């Protein structure tokens, strides 16, 4: 399974696809997502990343993601409750284009995403959810979505497959903008991780 280069683009949201369904559309496999939704006080690290006071309410969307019924990714999104209360973001099915499309419809126009990437090892619960051995190599991302005014989401992603650690900063408007943003900072072209072996649909 390849993570699509354009998975964060506004064009994909306009076509009714979220990030994971863009991966599926690009890769030719079927996406399925199990989601658990709750409201809770923000942990200190999440509150800091979102610019919130410690313990402020956040909406949490906990997901297990499947490619052709094989579990390949976990994702936990945390969003400030003042942005989500009473919106489709608090539903299991957020509608065409997903959470980011709903944020932009409400006037929270996304201007950039930042990603911090590292390699980890599967703990027991992660191994059970992803159907891998305890200690299997995992790809971990902390992605933060920003508007011009504030951070609006922190997404903690855990995916099967070991890749080189890196970090990226990319605007959401287009694939070309992502590439240009990397070069303007003197960065290397964005790395596109792949899942190999048992994880390829």
Foldseek 3Di string as FASTA:
>chain_A
DWQDLQQLAPVQLVVQDHRVVVVCVVQVWDKDKDKDKDKWFDDPVFCVQFVHDGGQIWIWIWIFMDTNNQTFKIKIKTFHCVQPPPALLRPPDSTGSHPQSRSVVVPQHWFKKKKWKDKDFADPVRCVSRVHDGGAIWIWIWMWTHGPVTTGMTMIMIGHDDDDTDMAMATHHGSVRRQVVQVVVVHDGDDIDDHDDPRDD
